[in-house]
Amino acid sequence: MPDLDMGTYAAFVWPAWGLSALVLGGLVVRASRAARHWSRDLAALEAAAVDPTGPAA
C-alpha cells in the first residue's frame, strides 16, 4: 500500500492533484465533443460531395 501522507505539504499537494485531475478531465470532455463535431461535419461534407467524373452512365 502506498504511503499517501504528505506531511506539512498536504495542504498544497492534494489541491494541486485535484486541480490537475479536474483540468485533465475537462480537456478529455472538450476533445471528445470536438471529435463528435468534426465527425458530423465530415459526414455532411461527404454527403454533399459531388462526383467530379459526372453522373454514372
C-alpha atoms as a PDB file:
ATOM      1  CA  MET A   1       0.000   0.000   0.000  1.00  0.00           C
ATOM      2  CA  PRO A   2       1.494   3.361  -0.986  1.00  0.00           C
ATOM      3  CA  ASP A   3       2.136   5.941   1.674  1.00  0.00           C
ATOM      4  CA  LEU A   4      -0.108   8.912   0.798  1.00  0.00           C
ATOM      5  CA  ASP A   5       0.817  11.030   3.812  1.00  0.00           C
ATOM      6  CA  MET A   6       2.274  14.285   2.506  1.00  0.00           C
ATOM      7  CA  GLY A   7       3.014  15.732   5.929  1.00  0.00           C
ATOM      8  CA  THR A   8       3.089  19.506   6.109  1.00  0.00           C
ATOM      9  CA  TYR A   9       2.898  19.772   2.317  1.00  0.00           C
ATOM     10  CA  ALA A  10      -0.501  18.043   2.100  1.00  0.00           C
ATOM     11  CA  ALA A  11      -2.344  21.374   2.056  1.00  0.00           C
ATOM     12  CA  PHE A  12      -0.545  22.211  -1.215  1.00  0.00           C
ATOM     13  CA  VAL A  13      -0.090  18.789  -2.824  1.00  0.00           C
ATOM     14  CA  TRP A  14      -3.652  17.406  -2.649  1.00  0.00           C
ATOM     15  CA  PRO A  15      -5.370  20.523  -4.065  1.00  0.00           C
ATOM     16  CA  ALA A  16      -2.781  20.588  -6.857  1.00  0.00           C
ATOM     17  CA  TRP A  17      -3.548  16.942  -7.683  1.00  0.00           C
ATOM     18  CA  GLY A  18      -7.274  17.678  -7.590  1.00  0.00           C
ATOM     19  CA  LEU A  19      -6.998  20.722  -9.826  1.00  0.00           C
ATOM     20  CA  SER A  20      -4.815  18.812 -12.273  1.00  0.00           C
ATOM     21  CA  ALA A  21      -7.350  15.970 -12.433  1.00  0.00           C
ATOM     22  CA  LEU A  22     -10.184  18.448 -12.971  1.00  0.00           C
ATOM     23  CA  VAL A  23      -8.361  20.236 -15.803  1.00  0.00           C
ATOM     24  CA  LEU A  24      -7.362  16.959 -17.443  1.00  0.00           C
ATOM     25  CA  GLY A  25     -10.947  15.710 -17.241  1.00  0.00           C
ATOM     26  CA  GLY A  26     -12.181  18.935 -18.825  1.00  0.00           C
ATOM     27  CA  LEU A  27      -9.711  18.556 -21.667  1.00  0.00           C
ATOM     28  CA  VAL A  28     -10.889  14.995 -22.302  1.00  0.00           C
ATOM     29  CA  VAL A  29     -14.526  16.142 -22.428  1.00  0.00           C
ATOM     30  CA  ARG A  30     -13.665  19.031 -24.739  1.00  0.00           C
ATOM     31  CA  ALA A  31     -11.685  16.782 -27.080  1.00  0.00           C
ATOM     32  CA  SER A  32     -14.458  14.178 -27.291  1.00  0.00           C
ATOM     33  CA  ARG A  33     -17.063  16.868 -28.064  1.00  0.00           C
ATOM     34  CA  ALA A  34     -14.813  18.336 -30.753  1.00  0.00           C
ATOM     35  CA  ALA A  35     -14.266  14.889 -32.279  1.00  0.00           C
ATOM     36  CA  ARG A  36     -18.042  14.307 -32.492  1.00  0.00           C
ATOM     37  CA  HIS A  37     -18.474  17.735 -34.091  1.00  0.00           C
ATOM     38  CA  TRP A  38     -15.734  17.039 -36.632  1.00  0.00           C
ATOM     39  CA  SER A  39     -17.271  13.642 -37.437  1.00  0.00           C
ATOM     40  CA  ARG A  40     -20.653  15.280 -38.110  1.00  0.00           C
ATOM     41  CA  ASP A  41     -19.021  17.934 -40.283  1.00  0.00           C
ATOM     42  CA  LEU A  42     -17.117  15.301 -42.247  1.00  0.00           C
ATOM     43  CA  ALA A  43     -20.250  13.226 -42.794  1.00  0.00           C
ATOM     44  CA  ALA A  44     -22.124  16.313 -44.030  1.00  0.00           C
ATOM     45  CA  LEU A  45     -19.292  17.203 -46.406  1.00  0.00           C
ATOM     46  CA  GLU A  46     -19.122  13.661 -47.727  1.00  0.00           C
ATOM     47  CA  ALA A  47     -22.891  13.600 -48.245  1.00  0.00           C
ATOM     48  CA  ALA A  48     -22.785  16.883 -50.136  1.00  0.00           C
ATOM     49  CA  ALA A  49     -19.767  15.961 -52.238  1.00  0.00           C
ATOM     50  CA  VAL A  50     -20.316  15.833 -55.979  1.00  0.00           C
ATOM     51  CA  ASP A  51     -18.691  13.128 -58.065  1.00  0.00           C
ATOM     52  CA  PRO A  52     -16.073  15.010 -60.146  1.00  0.00           C
ATOM     53  CA  THR A  53     -16.347  12.484 -63.024  1.00  0.00           C
ATOM     54  CA  GLY A  54     -20.002  13.262 -63.579  1.00  0.00           C
ATOM     55  CA  PRO A  55     -23.043  11.009 -63.366  1.00  0.00           C
ATOM     56  CA  ALA A  56     -22.535   7.286 -63.831  1.00  0.00           C
ATOM     57  CA  ALA A  57     -23.622   6.027 -67.238  1.00  0.00           C
END
